[in-house]
N, C-alpha and C. Protein backbone atom coordinates (compact mmCIF):
# COMPACT_ATOMS: atom_id res chain seq x y z
N MET A 1 34.20 -52.68 -54.87
CA MET A 1 34.33 -51.85 -56.06
C MET A 1 32.94 -51.67 -56.69
N TYR A 2 32.66 -50.47 -57.13
CA TYR A 2 31.37 -50.17 -57.75
C TYR A 2 31.41 -50.47 -59.24
N GLU A 3 30.31 -50.95 -59.74
CA GLU A 3 30.18 -51.28 -61.16
C GLU A 3 29.80 -50.03 -61.96
N VAL A 4 30.11 -50.03 -63.23
CA VAL A 4 29.67 -48.95 -64.12
C VAL A 4 28.15 -48.92 -64.09
N GLY A 5 27.58 -47.73 -63.97
CA GLY A 5 26.13 -47.56 -63.88
C GLY A 5 25.61 -47.49 -62.46
N ALA A 6 26.45 -47.83 -61.48
CA ALA A 6 26.02 -47.76 -60.08
C ALA A 6 25.78 -46.31 -59.67
N LEU A 7 24.78 -46.12 -58.83
CA LEU A 7 24.50 -44.79 -58.27
C LEU A 7 25.03 -44.78 -56.84
N VAL A 8 25.76 -43.72 -56.52
CA VAL A 8 26.38 -43.61 -55.20
C VAL A 8 26.17 -42.22 -54.64
N LEU A 9 26.23 -42.13 -53.32
CA LEU A 9 26.27 -40.83 -52.66
C LEU A 9 27.75 -40.50 -52.52
N TYR A 10 28.19 -39.43 -53.15
CA TYR A 10 29.61 -39.08 -53.14
C TYR A 10 29.87 -37.91 -52.22
N ASP A 11 30.73 -38.13 -51.25
CA ASP A 11 31.16 -37.12 -50.31
C ASP A 11 29.94 -36.35 -49.79
N LYS A 12 29.99 -35.02 -49.81
CA LYS A 12 28.84 -34.21 -49.39
C LYS A 12 28.21 -33.55 -50.61
N ARG A 13 28.43 -34.13 -51.78
CA ARG A 13 28.03 -33.50 -53.02
C ARG A 13 26.69 -33.97 -53.56
N GLY A 14 26.25 -35.16 -53.20
CA GLY A 14 24.98 -35.65 -53.72
C GLY A 14 25.14 -36.98 -54.44
N VAL A 15 24.17 -37.26 -55.31
CA VAL A 15 24.11 -38.54 -56.00
C VAL A 15 24.85 -38.45 -57.34
N TYR A 16 25.71 -39.45 -57.56
CA TYR A 16 26.50 -39.53 -58.78
C TYR A 16 26.38 -40.92 -59.37
N GLU A 17 26.55 -40.99 -60.68
CA GLU A 17 26.57 -42.27 -61.38
C GLU A 17 28.01 -42.60 -61.74
N VAL A 18 28.39 -43.85 -61.53
CA VAL A 18 29.71 -44.31 -61.95
C VAL A 18 29.62 -44.52 -63.46
N GLU A 19 30.27 -43.65 -64.20
CA GLU A 19 30.22 -43.72 -65.66
C GLU A 19 31.25 -44.68 -66.22
N SER A 20 32.42 -44.74 -65.57
CA SER A 20 33.45 -45.68 -66.02
C SER A 20 34.46 -45.89 -64.90
N VAL A 21 35.27 -46.92 -65.08
CA VAL A 21 36.36 -47.22 -64.15
C VAL A 21 37.60 -47.45 -65.00
N GLY A 22 38.67 -46.74 -64.65
CA GLY A 22 39.92 -46.90 -65.41
C GLY A 22 40.83 -45.73 -65.17
N ALA A 23 41.81 -45.60 -66.01
CA ALA A 23 42.76 -44.50 -65.89
C ALA A 23 42.10 -43.20 -66.35
N PRO A 24 42.26 -42.11 -65.58
CA PRO A 24 41.68 -40.84 -66.00
C PRO A 24 42.51 -40.20 -67.11
N PRO A 25 41.92 -39.26 -67.84
CA PRO A 25 42.66 -38.63 -68.95
C PRO A 25 43.61 -37.53 -68.44
N VAL A 26 44.37 -37.85 -67.41
CA VAL A 26 45.30 -36.89 -66.83
C VAL A 26 46.68 -37.55 -66.80
N ARG A 27 47.63 -36.87 -67.36
CA ARG A 27 48.99 -37.44 -67.39
C ARG A 27 49.55 -37.54 -65.98
N GLY A 28 50.33 -38.59 -65.78
CA GLY A 28 51.01 -38.75 -64.51
C GLY A 28 50.21 -39.45 -63.44
N THR A 29 49.00 -39.86 -63.73
CA THR A 29 48.20 -40.58 -62.74
C THR A 29 48.34 -42.08 -62.98
N THR A 30 48.31 -42.81 -61.89
CA THR A 30 48.38 -44.26 -62.01
C THR A 30 47.22 -44.86 -61.22
N GLY A 31 46.87 -46.05 -61.56
CA GLY A 31 45.78 -46.73 -60.87
C GLY A 31 44.43 -46.45 -61.50
N ASP A 32 43.44 -47.15 -60.99
CA ASP A 32 42.09 -46.99 -61.50
C ASP A 32 41.35 -45.88 -60.76
N TYR A 33 40.51 -45.19 -61.51
CA TYR A 33 39.70 -44.11 -60.99
C TYR A 33 38.25 -44.33 -61.40
N TYR A 34 37.33 -43.89 -60.54
CA TYR A 34 35.93 -43.82 -60.94
C TYR A 34 35.72 -42.50 -61.66
N LYS A 35 35.00 -42.55 -62.74
CA LYS A 35 34.55 -41.33 -63.41
C LYS A 35 33.10 -41.17 -62.97
N LEU A 36 32.82 -40.10 -62.23
CA LEU A 36 31.49 -39.87 -61.67
C LEU A 36 30.82 -38.68 -62.34
N CYS A 37 29.55 -38.83 -62.63
CA CYS A 37 28.75 -37.75 -63.21
C CYS A 37 27.56 -37.49 -62.31
N ALA A 38 27.31 -36.21 -62.04
CA ALA A 38 26.20 -35.83 -61.17
C ALA A 38 24.88 -36.21 -61.82
N VAL A 39 23.97 -36.77 -61.03
CA VAL A 39 22.66 -37.18 -61.54
C VAL A 39 21.73 -35.99 -61.67
N PHE A 40 21.77 -35.06 -60.72
CA PHE A 40 20.84 -33.93 -60.72
C PHE A 40 21.51 -32.60 -61.03
N SER A 41 22.40 -32.59 -61.98
CA SER A 41 23.08 -31.35 -62.32
C SER A 41 22.96 -31.10 -63.81
N ASN A 42 22.78 -29.84 -64.16
CA ASN A 42 22.73 -29.47 -65.57
C ASN A 42 24.12 -29.20 -66.12
N SER A 43 25.11 -29.16 -65.22
CA SER A 43 26.47 -28.89 -65.67
C SER A 43 27.11 -30.17 -66.21
N ASP A 44 28.24 -30.01 -66.79
CA ASP A 44 28.99 -31.16 -67.31
C ASP A 44 30.04 -31.60 -66.30
N GLU A 45 29.75 -31.40 -65.02
CA GLU A 45 30.71 -31.74 -63.97
C GLU A 45 31.05 -33.22 -64.00
N ILE A 46 32.33 -33.50 -64.01
CA ILE A 46 32.83 -34.87 -63.95
C ILE A 46 33.86 -34.92 -62.84
N ILE A 47 33.77 -35.94 -62.02
CA ILE A 47 34.72 -36.13 -60.93
C ILE A 47 35.48 -37.42 -61.18
N TYR A 48 36.78 -37.35 -61.03
CA TYR A 48 37.61 -38.55 -61.05
C TYR A 48 38.10 -38.77 -59.64
N THR A 49 37.83 -39.94 -59.10
CA THR A 49 38.27 -40.25 -57.74
C THR A 49 38.86 -41.65 -57.73
N PRO A 50 39.98 -41.80 -57.03
CA PRO A 50 40.62 -43.12 -57.00
C PRO A 50 39.68 -44.19 -56.47
N VAL A 51 39.77 -45.37 -57.04
CA VAL A 51 38.93 -46.50 -56.64
C VAL A 51 39.12 -46.82 -55.16
N ASP A 52 40.31 -46.56 -54.65
CA ASP A 52 40.57 -46.87 -53.23
C ASP A 52 40.07 -45.81 -52.26
N THR A 53 39.30 -44.81 -52.71
CA THR A 53 38.74 -43.79 -51.81
C THR A 53 37.29 -44.11 -51.49
N ILE A 54 37.00 -45.36 -51.30
CA ILE A 54 35.64 -45.81 -51.00
C ILE A 54 35.01 -45.07 -49.81
N PRO A 55 35.76 -44.70 -48.76
CA PRO A 55 35.10 -44.02 -47.64
C PRO A 55 34.36 -42.74 -48.03
N SER A 56 34.71 -42.13 -49.17
CA SER A 56 34.01 -40.92 -49.57
C SER A 56 32.73 -41.22 -50.35
N MET A 57 32.44 -42.51 -50.56
CA MET A 57 31.23 -42.90 -51.29
C MET A 57 30.52 -44.00 -50.53
N ARG A 58 29.22 -44.06 -50.76
CA ARG A 58 28.45 -45.19 -50.23
C ARG A 58 27.30 -45.48 -51.18
N PRO A 59 26.83 -46.73 -51.19
CA PRO A 59 25.67 -47.04 -52.03
C PRO A 59 24.43 -46.35 -51.50
N LEU A 60 23.47 -46.17 -52.38
CA LEU A 60 22.21 -45.54 -51.97
C LEU A 60 21.40 -46.51 -51.11
N ILE A 61 20.54 -45.94 -50.29
CA ILE A 61 19.63 -46.75 -49.48
C ILE A 61 18.52 -47.30 -50.37
N SER A 62 17.71 -48.20 -49.84
CA SER A 62 16.60 -48.78 -50.61
C SER A 62 15.40 -47.84 -50.56
N SER A 63 14.44 -48.09 -51.44
CA SER A 63 13.22 -47.28 -51.45
C SER A 63 12.45 -47.48 -50.16
N GLY A 64 12.46 -48.70 -49.61
CA GLY A 64 11.78 -48.96 -48.34
C GLY A 64 12.39 -48.16 -47.20
N GLU A 65 13.73 -48.10 -47.18
CA GLU A 65 14.40 -47.31 -46.15
C GLU A 65 14.08 -45.83 -46.30
N ALA A 66 14.07 -45.33 -47.53
CA ALA A 66 13.75 -43.91 -47.76
C ALA A 66 12.34 -43.60 -47.28
N SER A 67 11.38 -44.47 -47.59
CA SER A 67 10.00 -44.26 -47.14
C SER A 67 9.93 -44.25 -45.62
N HIS A 68 10.65 -45.17 -44.99
CA HIS A 68 10.69 -45.22 -43.53
C HIS A 68 11.25 -43.91 -42.95
N TYR A 69 12.34 -43.42 -43.53
CA TYR A 69 12.94 -42.18 -43.03
C TYR A 69 12.03 -40.97 -43.24
N LEU A 70 11.29 -40.95 -44.34
CA LEU A 70 10.36 -39.84 -44.56
C LEU A 70 9.28 -39.82 -43.49
N GLU A 71 8.80 -41.00 -43.11
CA GLU A 71 7.80 -41.08 -42.04
C GLU A 71 8.41 -40.71 -40.69
N LEU A 72 9.62 -41.11 -40.47
CA LEU A 72 10.31 -40.87 -39.20
C LEU A 72 10.68 -39.40 -39.00
N PHE A 73 10.93 -38.68 -40.06
CA PHE A 73 11.47 -37.32 -39.98
C PHE A 73 10.66 -36.41 -39.07
N SER A 74 9.35 -36.40 -39.21
CA SER A 74 8.53 -35.48 -38.40
C SER A 74 8.59 -35.81 -36.91
N ARG A 75 8.95 -37.05 -36.57
CA ARG A 75 9.02 -37.45 -35.15
C ARG A 75 10.41 -37.29 -34.54
N LEU A 76 11.39 -36.98 -35.37
CA LEU A 76 12.75 -36.81 -34.84
C LEU A 76 12.80 -35.63 -33.87
N GLU A 77 13.49 -35.83 -32.79
CA GLU A 77 13.66 -34.77 -31.79
C GLU A 77 15.15 -34.45 -31.68
N PRO A 78 15.61 -33.47 -32.43
CA PRO A 78 17.04 -33.15 -32.39
C PRO A 78 17.40 -32.35 -31.15
N HIS A 79 18.66 -32.40 -30.80
CA HIS A 79 19.18 -31.53 -29.76
C HIS A 79 19.66 -30.28 -30.47
N VAL A 80 19.09 -29.14 -30.13
CA VAL A 80 19.52 -27.90 -30.76
C VAL A 80 20.67 -27.36 -29.93
N PHE A 81 21.84 -27.39 -30.51
CA PHE A 81 23.03 -26.95 -29.80
C PHE A 81 23.15 -25.44 -29.83
N ARG A 82 23.56 -24.89 -28.74
CA ARG A 82 23.75 -23.44 -28.61
C ARG A 82 25.25 -23.17 -28.53
N PHE A 83 25.85 -22.86 -29.66
CA PHE A 83 27.27 -22.60 -29.69
C PHE A 83 27.53 -21.11 -29.64
N GLY A 84 28.56 -20.73 -28.91
CA GLY A 84 28.93 -19.33 -28.82
C GLY A 84 29.77 -18.89 -30.00
N LYS A 85 30.50 -19.85 -30.58
CA LYS A 85 31.42 -19.49 -31.66
C LYS A 85 31.01 -20.19 -32.95
N THR A 86 31.18 -19.47 -34.04
CA THR A 86 30.85 -20.01 -35.35
C THR A 86 31.68 -21.25 -35.65
N MET A 87 32.92 -21.28 -35.21
CA MET A 87 33.78 -22.44 -35.47
C MET A 87 33.23 -23.70 -34.81
N GLU A 88 32.66 -23.57 -33.61
CA GLU A 88 32.09 -24.73 -32.92
C GLU A 88 30.86 -25.25 -33.66
N LEU A 89 30.03 -24.32 -34.10
CA LEU A 89 28.84 -24.70 -34.86
C LEU A 89 29.23 -25.38 -36.17
N THR A 90 30.21 -24.81 -36.86
CA THR A 90 30.69 -25.39 -38.12
C THR A 90 31.23 -26.80 -37.89
N ALA A 91 32.02 -26.98 -36.84
CA ALA A 91 32.59 -28.30 -36.54
C ALA A 91 31.49 -29.31 -36.25
N HIS A 92 30.47 -28.88 -35.52
CA HIS A 92 29.33 -29.75 -35.20
C HIS A 92 28.63 -30.19 -36.49
N TYR A 93 28.31 -29.25 -37.36
CA TYR A 93 27.63 -29.56 -38.61
C TYR A 93 28.51 -30.43 -39.51
N GLN A 94 29.79 -30.12 -39.59
CA GLN A 94 30.70 -30.90 -40.43
C GLN A 94 30.76 -32.35 -39.96
N SER A 95 30.81 -32.55 -38.66
CA SER A 95 30.90 -33.93 -38.15
C SER A 95 29.62 -34.71 -38.46
N MET A 96 28.47 -34.05 -38.40
CA MET A 96 27.22 -34.74 -38.73
C MET A 96 27.18 -35.13 -40.20
N LEU A 97 27.60 -34.23 -41.08
CA LEU A 97 27.60 -34.53 -42.51
C LEU A 97 28.67 -35.53 -42.89
N ALA A 98 29.79 -35.48 -42.22
CA ALA A 98 30.92 -36.35 -42.58
C ALA A 98 30.59 -37.82 -42.43
N SER A 99 29.66 -38.15 -41.56
CA SER A 99 29.31 -39.56 -41.37
C SER A 99 28.60 -40.13 -42.60
N ARG A 100 27.96 -39.27 -43.37
CA ARG A 100 27.16 -39.66 -44.53
C ARG A 100 26.05 -40.64 -44.16
N LYS A 101 25.68 -40.65 -42.88
CA LYS A 101 24.58 -41.50 -42.43
C LYS A 101 23.27 -40.74 -42.62
N VAL A 102 22.27 -41.43 -43.09
CA VAL A 102 20.98 -40.81 -43.34
C VAL A 102 20.43 -40.19 -42.06
N GLU A 103 20.53 -40.92 -40.94
CA GLU A 103 19.98 -40.42 -39.67
C GLU A 103 20.64 -39.11 -39.26
N ASP A 104 21.96 -39.02 -39.43
CA ASP A 104 22.67 -37.80 -39.04
C ASP A 104 22.26 -36.62 -39.93
N CYS A 105 22.11 -36.87 -41.22
CA CYS A 105 21.69 -35.79 -42.13
C CYS A 105 20.28 -35.32 -41.81
N LEU A 106 19.39 -36.27 -41.51
CA LEU A 106 18.02 -35.89 -41.15
C LEU A 106 17.99 -35.11 -39.85
N LEU A 107 18.78 -35.54 -38.87
CA LEU A 107 18.85 -34.80 -37.61
C LEU A 107 19.41 -33.40 -37.82
N LEU A 108 20.39 -33.27 -38.69
CA LEU A 108 20.95 -31.96 -38.99
C LEU A 108 19.90 -31.06 -39.63
N ILE A 109 19.18 -31.58 -40.60
CA ILE A 109 18.11 -30.79 -41.25
C ILE A 109 17.09 -30.37 -40.20
N LYS A 110 16.67 -31.30 -39.37
CA LYS A 110 15.66 -31.00 -38.36
C LYS A 110 16.19 -29.98 -37.35
N GLU A 111 17.43 -30.15 -36.93
CA GLU A 111 18.03 -29.22 -35.98
C GLU A 111 18.05 -27.79 -36.53
N ILE A 112 18.49 -27.64 -37.76
CA ILE A 112 18.55 -26.31 -38.36
C ILE A 112 17.15 -25.78 -38.61
N HIS A 113 16.23 -26.65 -38.96
CA HIS A 113 14.84 -26.22 -39.17
C HIS A 113 14.24 -25.68 -37.86
N VAL A 114 14.52 -26.34 -36.75
CA VAL A 114 14.06 -25.86 -35.44
C VAL A 114 14.67 -24.50 -35.14
N ARG A 115 15.96 -24.34 -35.41
CA ARG A 115 16.63 -23.04 -35.21
C ARG A 115 15.98 -21.97 -36.09
N GLN A 116 15.64 -22.37 -37.31
CA GLN A 116 15.03 -21.43 -38.25
C GLN A 116 13.69 -20.93 -37.72
N ARG A 117 12.89 -21.84 -37.17
CA ARG A 117 11.60 -21.44 -36.60
C ARG A 117 11.79 -20.51 -35.40
N GLU A 118 12.78 -20.83 -34.55
CA GLU A 118 13.07 -19.98 -33.39
C GLU A 118 13.50 -18.59 -33.85
N MET A 119 14.34 -18.53 -34.86
CA MET A 119 14.81 -17.25 -35.39
C MET A 119 13.65 -16.45 -35.99
N ALA A 120 12.75 -17.13 -36.69
CA ALA A 120 11.61 -16.45 -37.31
C ALA A 120 10.71 -15.82 -36.24
N ARG A 121 10.54 -16.53 -35.11
CA ARG A 121 9.74 -15.94 -34.02
C ARG A 121 10.38 -14.68 -33.46
N GLN A 122 11.69 -14.58 -33.56
CA GLN A 122 12.42 -13.40 -33.10
C GLN A 122 12.61 -12.39 -34.22
N LYS A 123 11.98 -12.65 -35.36
CA LYS A 123 12.08 -11.80 -36.55
C LYS A 123 13.53 -11.69 -37.06
N LYS A 124 14.24 -12.83 -36.97
CA LYS A 124 15.62 -12.91 -37.46
C LYS A 124 15.70 -14.01 -38.51
N ARG A 125 16.82 -13.99 -39.23
CA ARG A 125 17.05 -15.02 -40.24
C ARG A 125 18.22 -15.90 -39.83
N LEU A 126 18.28 -17.07 -40.45
CA LEU A 126 19.39 -17.99 -40.20
C LEU A 126 20.70 -17.34 -40.62
N GLY A 127 21.76 -17.71 -39.92
CA GLY A 127 23.09 -17.25 -40.28
C GLY A 127 23.62 -18.01 -41.48
N GLN A 128 24.75 -17.57 -41.99
CA GLN A 128 25.35 -18.18 -43.18
C GLN A 128 25.74 -19.64 -42.93
N VAL A 129 26.29 -19.94 -41.76
CA VAL A 129 26.71 -21.31 -41.47
C VAL A 129 25.51 -22.24 -41.47
N ASP A 130 24.44 -21.84 -40.78
CA ASP A 130 23.22 -22.66 -40.76
C ASP A 130 22.69 -22.88 -42.16
N SER A 131 22.60 -21.82 -42.94
CA SER A 131 22.06 -21.91 -44.30
C SER A 131 22.90 -22.82 -45.18
N LYS A 132 24.22 -22.69 -45.08
CA LYS A 132 25.12 -23.50 -45.90
C LYS A 132 24.94 -24.98 -45.60
N TYR A 133 24.93 -25.35 -44.32
CA TYR A 133 24.85 -26.76 -43.98
C TYR A 133 23.44 -27.32 -44.17
N LEU A 134 22.43 -26.49 -44.05
CA LEU A 134 21.07 -26.93 -44.35
C LEU A 134 20.98 -27.30 -45.83
N LYS A 135 21.53 -26.46 -46.69
CA LYS A 135 21.50 -26.74 -48.14
C LYS A 135 22.26 -28.02 -48.47
N LEU A 136 23.43 -28.20 -47.86
CA LEU A 136 24.22 -29.41 -48.12
C LEU A 136 23.46 -30.67 -47.69
N ALA A 137 22.91 -30.65 -46.48
CA ALA A 137 22.19 -31.82 -45.97
C ALA A 137 20.93 -32.09 -46.79
N GLU A 138 20.20 -31.04 -47.14
CA GLU A 138 19.00 -31.21 -47.96
C GLU A 138 19.36 -31.80 -49.33
N LYS A 139 20.44 -31.31 -49.91
CA LYS A 139 20.86 -31.82 -51.22
C LYS A 139 21.15 -33.32 -51.14
N MET A 140 21.91 -33.72 -50.14
CA MET A 140 22.26 -35.13 -50.00
C MET A 140 21.01 -35.99 -49.82
N ILE A 141 20.16 -35.61 -48.89
CA ILE A 141 18.96 -36.40 -48.58
C ILE A 141 17.96 -36.37 -49.73
N CYS A 142 17.66 -35.19 -50.22
CA CYS A 142 16.62 -35.07 -51.25
C CYS A 142 17.02 -35.74 -52.56
N GLU A 143 18.29 -35.65 -52.93
CA GLU A 143 18.73 -36.34 -54.15
C GLU A 143 18.67 -37.85 -53.97
N GLU A 144 19.18 -38.33 -52.85
CA GLU A 144 19.18 -39.78 -52.64
C GLU A 144 17.76 -40.34 -52.60
N PHE A 145 16.89 -39.70 -51.84
CA PHE A 145 15.51 -40.17 -51.73
C PHE A 145 14.80 -40.07 -53.07
N ALA A 146 15.08 -39.01 -53.83
CA ALA A 146 14.43 -38.83 -55.13
C ALA A 146 14.79 -39.97 -56.08
N VAL A 147 16.06 -40.35 -56.09
CA VAL A 147 16.48 -41.44 -56.98
C VAL A 147 15.79 -42.74 -56.59
N VAL A 148 15.84 -43.10 -55.32
CA VAL A 148 15.32 -44.42 -54.92
C VAL A 148 13.79 -44.46 -54.91
N LEU A 149 13.14 -43.28 -54.81
CA LEU A 149 11.68 -43.25 -54.82
C LEU A 149 11.13 -42.79 -56.17
N ASP A 150 12.02 -42.62 -57.15
CA ASP A 150 11.65 -42.25 -58.51
C ASP A 150 10.79 -40.99 -58.55
N THR A 151 11.33 -39.93 -57.98
CA THR A 151 10.65 -38.64 -57.98
C THR A 151 11.71 -37.55 -58.13
N THR A 152 11.40 -36.34 -57.71
CA THR A 152 12.36 -35.24 -57.83
C THR A 152 12.81 -34.78 -56.44
N PRO A 153 14.00 -34.17 -56.36
CA PRO A 153 14.45 -33.64 -55.08
C PRO A 153 13.49 -32.60 -54.50
N ASP A 154 12.89 -31.79 -55.35
CA ASP A 154 11.95 -30.77 -54.86
C ASP A 154 10.73 -31.40 -54.19
N LEU A 155 10.21 -32.47 -54.77
CA LEU A 155 9.06 -33.15 -54.16
C LEU A 155 9.44 -33.81 -52.84
N ILE A 156 10.64 -34.35 -52.76
CA ILE A 156 11.10 -34.93 -51.49
C ILE A 156 11.21 -33.84 -50.43
N ARG A 157 11.76 -32.69 -50.78
CA ARG A 157 11.88 -31.57 -49.84
C ARG A 157 10.50 -31.17 -49.33
N GLU A 158 9.53 -31.09 -50.22
CA GLU A 158 8.16 -30.76 -49.81
C GLU A 158 7.62 -31.80 -48.84
N ARG A 159 7.83 -33.08 -49.14
CA ARG A 159 7.34 -34.15 -48.25
C ARG A 159 8.00 -34.08 -46.88
N LEU A 160 9.29 -33.80 -46.85
CA LEU A 160 9.99 -33.68 -45.57
C LEU A 160 9.34 -32.61 -44.70
N TYR A 161 9.21 -31.44 -45.27
CA TYR A 161 8.73 -30.31 -44.48
C TYR A 161 7.23 -30.30 -44.26
N ALA A 162 6.47 -30.99 -45.10
CA ALA A 162 5.01 -31.06 -44.91
C ALA A 162 4.70 -31.71 -43.57
N GLY A 163 5.36 -32.80 -43.26
CA GLY A 163 5.14 -33.49 -41.98
C GLY A 163 5.57 -32.64 -40.81
N THR A 164 6.64 -31.89 -40.98
CA THR A 164 7.15 -31.03 -39.91
C THR A 164 6.19 -29.89 -39.65
N GLU A 165 5.67 -29.30 -40.71
CA GLU A 165 4.76 -28.17 -40.55
C GLU A 165 3.45 -28.60 -39.88
N ARG A 166 2.96 -29.79 -40.26
CA ARG A 166 1.73 -30.29 -39.62
C ARG A 166 1.94 -30.47 -38.13
N LYS A 167 3.09 -31.00 -37.75
CA LYS A 167 3.38 -31.24 -36.35
C LYS A 167 3.54 -29.91 -35.59
N ALA A 168 4.15 -28.90 -36.24
CA ALA A 168 4.39 -27.62 -35.59
C ALA A 168 3.08 -26.86 -35.33
N THR A 169 2.08 -27.06 -36.20
CA THR A 169 0.82 -26.35 -36.03
C THR A 169 -0.17 -27.12 -35.17
N ALA A 170 0.13 -28.38 -34.87
CA ALA A 170 -0.79 -29.20 -34.07
C ALA A 170 -0.75 -28.85 -32.61
């Protein structure tokens, strides 16, 4: 069980703070719920999720792990899958994100980034599916790393791609 004030990665949505634990202000509900508030959102979004839905949340990684992953990112060699159908591509991306593992999210970002470079050489743009899952994976990684490294998601995004760009031009 997470304590009030704990920061967690929730589902595919990003970093949330556990604001309280208890019954939600909704009639007809029983049991304890986490009240989650987005850390990097200007909205007043509040999520109530049952305490027993732990698989949709995980604790954040350490700052040392985040630093390690930032260094590792430029060296990752993803397999760029060539799917004929959008449904296959979507299923592939969904399965990578569903694990909520840092390595899978980084591989997904790298995979789509490689596709993006290939498309740019052909004077084309990424498709909607690629763009959607790139944004989701970046949000998860950049928010988590920003919290544990005490910076902003935008600076983390820059650090991720700076190493990739240096490698691509070398």
